[in-house]
Amino acid sequence: MGIKYFFSNSFDGNLAFHVEDDKNIVIKNRRDLAKKHNYKDEDLVYMNQIHTDNIVVVDENSPKLIDNCDAIITKSKNIPLMVMVADCIPILMYDENKGVVAAIHAGRNSTFKEIAKKTAQIFIDKFYSNPKEIKVILGPSIQKCCYEVSLDMAKIVENSFGKKFVENRNIDLQSINKKQLNDLSILDIEISNICTKCGNMPYFSYRKDVKTGRFAGVVQVD
Protein backbone atom coordinates (compact mmCIF):
# COMPACT_ATOMS: atom_id res chain seq x y z
CA MET A 1 0.00 0.00 0.00
CA GLY A 2 1.23 3.47 -0.86
CA ILE A 3 0.11 7.08 -0.88
CA LYS A 4 0.20 9.35 -3.88
CA TYR A 5 -0.41 13.09 -3.93
CA PHE A 6 0.24 16.17 -6.04
CA PHE A 7 -0.71 19.81 -6.52
CA SER A 8 -1.92 21.00 -9.90
CA ASN A 9 -1.18 24.45 -11.28
CA SER A 10 -2.78 26.89 -13.69
CA PHE A 11 -1.24 25.08 -16.67
CA ASP A 12 -3.62 22.23 -15.78
CA GLY A 13 -6.55 24.64 -16.14
CA ASN A 14 -9.40 25.58 -13.85
CA LEU A 15 -10.81 22.59 -11.93
CA ALA A 16 -13.81 24.25 -10.25
CA PHE A 17 -17.39 24.34 -11.49
CA HIS A 18 -18.46 27.21 -9.21
CA VAL A 19 -16.39 29.91 -10.93
CA GLU A 20 -17.38 31.56 -14.20
CA ASP A 21 -16.09 28.91 -16.56
CA ASP A 22 -17.57 26.61 -19.19
CA LYS A 23 -18.64 23.35 -17.53
CA ASN A 24 -17.31 21.28 -20.43
CA ILE A 25 -13.87 22.87 -20.13
CA VAL A 26 -13.77 22.03 -16.41
CA ILE A 27 -14.79 18.44 -17.15
CA LYS A 28 -12.02 18.16 -19.75
CA ASN A 29 -9.46 19.68 -17.38
CA ARG A 30 -10.39 17.18 -14.68
CA ARG A 31 -10.20 14.25 -17.08
CA ASP A 32 -6.83 15.39 -18.40
CA LEU A 33 -5.51 15.79 -14.85
CA ALA A 34 -6.66 12.28 -13.93
CA LYS A 35 -4.95 10.86 -17.01
CA LYS A 36 -1.75 12.81 -16.28
CA HIS A 37 -1.56 11.51 -12.69
CA ASN A 38 -2.96 8.03 -13.34
CA TYR A 39 -6.20 7.93 -11.37
CA LYS A 40 -9.86 7.58 -12.39
CA ASP A 41 -11.69 10.88 -12.69
CA GLU A 42 -15.00 9.13 -12.02
CA ASP A 43 -13.69 8.07 -8.57
CA LEU A 44 -12.68 11.61 -7.55
CA VAL A 45 -14.32 13.00 -4.39
CA TYR A 46 -14.34 16.77 -3.93
CA MET A 47 -16.10 19.38 -1.78
CA ASN A 48 -18.42 22.33 -1.84
CA GLN A 49 -16.08 24.30 0.43
CA ILE A 50 -17.71 26.82 2.77
CA HIS A 51 -14.93 28.00 5.13
CA THR A 52 -16.01 25.96 8.17
CA ASP A 53 -14.55 23.12 10.24
CA ASN A 54 -16.94 20.51 8.82
CA ILE A 55 -15.06 17.24 8.22
CA VAL A 56 -16.51 14.18 6.46
CA VAL A 57 -15.15 10.62 6.29
CA VAL A 58 -15.88 9.16 2.85
CA ASP A 59 -15.72 5.75 1.17
CA GLU A 60 -16.66 4.11 -2.12
CA ASN A 61 -20.38 4.58 -1.33
CA SER A 62 -20.13 8.33 -0.73
CA PRO A 63 -21.31 10.91 -3.27
CA LYS A 64 -18.59 12.42 -5.41
CA LEU A 65 -19.46 15.96 -4.31
CA ILE A 66 -19.50 16.39 -0.54
CA ASP A 67 -21.61 19.41 0.33
CA ASN A 68 -20.94 21.99 3.07
CA CYS A 69 -17.53 20.64 3.93
CA ASP A 70 -13.89 21.74 4.16
CA ALA A 71 -12.07 18.47 4.84
CA ILE A 72 -12.55 14.93 3.61
CA ILE A 73 -10.88 11.78 4.91
CA THR A 74 -10.77 8.25 3.55
CA LYS A 75 -9.22 4.88 4.30
CA SER A 76 -10.58 3.40 1.08
CA LYS A 77 -8.11 2.60 -1.69
CA ASN A 78 -8.20 4.28 -5.09
CA ILE A 79 -10.47 7.16 -4.04
CA PRO A 80 -8.69 10.40 -4.92
CA LEU A 81 -9.65 13.31 -2.65
CA MET A 82 -9.44 16.86 -3.99
CA VAL A 83 -9.27 20.30 -2.38
CA MET A 84 -9.51 23.37 -4.63
CA VAL A 85 -7.96 26.76 -3.87
CA ALA A 86 -6.86 30.13 -5.25
CA ASP A 87 -4.97 31.58 -2.22
CA CYS A 88 -6.31 29.48 0.67
CA ILE A 89 -4.02 26.70 1.90
CA PRO A 90 -4.55 23.28 0.30
CA ILE A 91 -3.50 20.82 2.99
CA LEU A 92 -2.89 17.15 2.25
CA MET A 93 -2.52 14.79 5.20
CA TYR A 94 -1.72 11.10 5.33
CA ASP A 95 -0.66 8.22 7.53
CA GLU A 96 0.99 5.64 5.30
CA ASN A 97 1.09 3.08 8.11
CA LYS A 98 -2.70 3.17 8.65
CA GLY A 99 -3.56 3.93 5.01
CA VAL A 100 -5.55 7.07 5.76
CA VAL A 101 -5.54 10.30 3.74
CA ALA A 102 -7.26 13.69 3.91
CA ALA A 103 -7.69 16.78 1.75
CA ILE A 104 -8.26 20.00 3.70
CA HIS A 105 -9.30 23.52 2.69
CA ALA A 106 -7.66 25.88 5.18
CA GLY A 107 -8.68 29.45 4.54
CA ARG A 108 -8.66 32.04 7.30
CA ASN A 109 -11.94 30.99 8.92
CA SER A 110 -11.16 27.27 8.78
CA THR A 111 -7.69 27.90 10.17
CA PHE A 112 -9.16 29.88 13.06
CA LYS A 113 -11.50 26.91 13.67
CA GLU A 114 -8.46 24.55 13.73
CA ILE A 115 -9.60 22.41 10.81
CA ALA A 116 -6.22 20.76 10.20
CA LYS A 117 -5.83 19.91 13.88
CA LYS A 118 -9.39 18.55 14.06
CA THR A 119 -8.79 16.43 10.96
CA ALA A 120 -5.62 15.02 12.50
CA GLN A 121 -7.54 14.29 15.70
CA ILE A 122 -9.91 12.10 13.66
CA PHE A 123 -6.87 10.23 12.30
CA ILE A 124 -5.82 9.63 15.90
CA ASP A 125 -9.23 8.84 17.43
CA LYS A 126 -10.96 6.93 14.61
CA PHE A 127 -8.06 5.38 12.70
CA TYR A 128 -5.60 5.01 15.62
CA SER A 129 -2.83 6.99 13.94
CA ASN A 130 0.33 7.71 15.85
CA PRO A 131 0.82 11.51 15.58
CA LYS A 132 4.47 10.95 14.76
CA GLU A 133 3.44 8.97 11.66
CA ILE A 134 1.11 11.63 10.28
CA LYS A 135 2.61 13.58 7.38
CA VAL A 136 1.18 16.99 6.44
CA ILE A 137 1.86 19.03 3.30
CA LEU A 138 0.74 22.66 3.00
CA GLY A 139 0.69 23.47 -0.70
CA PRO A 140 1.16 26.76 -2.56
CA SER A 141 -1.00 29.54 -1.08
CA ILE A 142 -0.96 33.20 -0.21
CA GLN A 143 1.92 33.80 2.17
CA LYS A 144 2.54 36.26 4.97
CA CYS A 145 4.21 38.63 2.49
CA CYS A 146 0.87 39.27 0.74
CA TYR A 147 -1.82 38.29 3.25
CA GLU A 148 -2.79 41.73 4.49
CA VAL A 149 -5.96 42.06 6.57
CA SER A 150 -7.72 44.85 8.44
CA LEU A 151 -6.20 46.26 11.62
CA ASP A 152 -9.09 44.76 13.59
CA MET A 153 -8.47 41.31 12.10
CA ALA A 154 -4.73 41.58 12.72
CA LYS A 155 -5.46 42.41 16.35
CA ILE A 156 -7.81 39.42 16.64
CA VAL A 157 -5.07 37.13 15.31
CA GLU A 158 -2.52 38.61 17.71
CA ASN A 159 -4.86 38.18 20.68
CA SER A 160 -6.00 34.68 19.66
CA PHE A 161 -2.75 33.11 18.49
CA GLY A 162 0.13 35.38 19.47
CA LYS A 163 2.13 38.34 18.25
CA LYS A 164 4.59 36.19 16.30
CA PHE A 165 1.89 35.33 13.75
CA VAL A 166 1.30 38.99 12.85
CA GLU A 167 3.54 41.59 11.23
CA ASN A 168 1.83 44.97 10.88
CA ARG A 169 -1.41 43.96 9.10
CA ASN A 170 -0.03 40.76 7.57
CA ILE A 171 -0.84 37.38 9.10
CA ASP A 172 0.89 34.01 8.81
CA LEU A 173 -1.75 31.32 8.29
CA GLN A 174 0.85 28.67 7.50
CA SER A 175 2.57 29.05 10.87
CA ILE A 176 -0.77 29.06 12.70
CA ASN A 177 -1.67 25.72 11.10
CA LYS A 178 1.78 24.36 11.92
CA LYS A 179 1.46 25.41 15.57
CA GLN A 180 -1.97 23.76 15.86
CA LEU A 181 -0.58 20.50 14.43
CA ASN A 182 2.50 20.71 16.66
CA ASP A 183 0.09 20.85 19.61
CA LEU A 184 -0.88 17.26 18.71
CA SER A 185 2.80 16.25 18.48
CA ILE A 186 2.63 16.20 14.67
CA LEU A 187 6.06 17.30 13.51
CA ASP A 188 6.34 15.99 9.93
CA ILE A 189 5.01 19.11 8.24
CA GLU A 190 6.14 20.39 4.84
CA ILE A 191 5.18 23.97 3.95
CA SER A 192 5.45 25.33 0.41
CA ASN A 193 7.17 28.70 0.23
CA ILE A 194 5.34 29.59 -3.00
CA CYS A 195 3.08 32.62 -2.65
CA THR A 196 0.17 32.39 -5.06
CA LYS A 197 -0.18 36.18 -5.21
CA CYS A 198 3.38 37.43 -5.73
CA GLY A 199 5.39 34.31 -6.50
CA ASN A 200 5.23 34.57 -10.32
CA MET A 201 4.51 30.86 -10.43
CA PRO A 202 1.62 29.25 -12.35
CA TYR A 203 -1.07 29.24 -9.65
CA PHE A 204 -4.47 30.89 -9.52
CA SER A 205 -4.83 33.75 -7.01
CA TYR A 206 -8.13 35.34 -6.00
CA ARG A 207 -6.34 38.36 -4.57
CA LYS A 208 -4.46 38.88 -7.81
CA ASP A 209 -7.58 38.44 -9.96
CA VAL A 210 -11.08 38.01 -8.52
CA LYS A 211 -12.22 36.28 -11.72
CA THR A 212 -9.88 33.34 -11.49
CA GLY A 213 -9.90 29.56 -11.59
CA ARG A 214 -8.96 27.05 -8.92
CA PHE A 215 -6.00 24.71 -8.74
CA ALA A 216 -6.03 21.62 -6.56
CA GLY A 217 -4.33 19.29 -4.15
CA VAL A 218 -5.14 15.61 -4.66
CA VAL A 219 -4.28 12.67 -2.40
CA GLN A 220 -5.09 8.97 -2.67
CA VAL A 221 -4.42 5.62 -1.02
CA ASP A 222 -3.04 3.31 -3.72
Foldseek 3Di string as FASTA:
>chain_A
DFKDKDWDFCVLPFQDPPFPDDPVVNVVSLCVVCVVVVADSVLEAEEPEDLALAEEEDESPDDRYHYHHFKYKYQYFRRKYKYKDQAWWWKWKDQGVLSMIMTGGHDPSNLLVLNVLVVVVCCCPVSVDDLQRMAMETDAHAAQVPAFDDPVVLVVCCVSPHPVQHDRRGGGSPVSNQVSSVVSVNDNYHYDPAHSQPRPDRHHHCVNPVNTGIIIMMMGRD
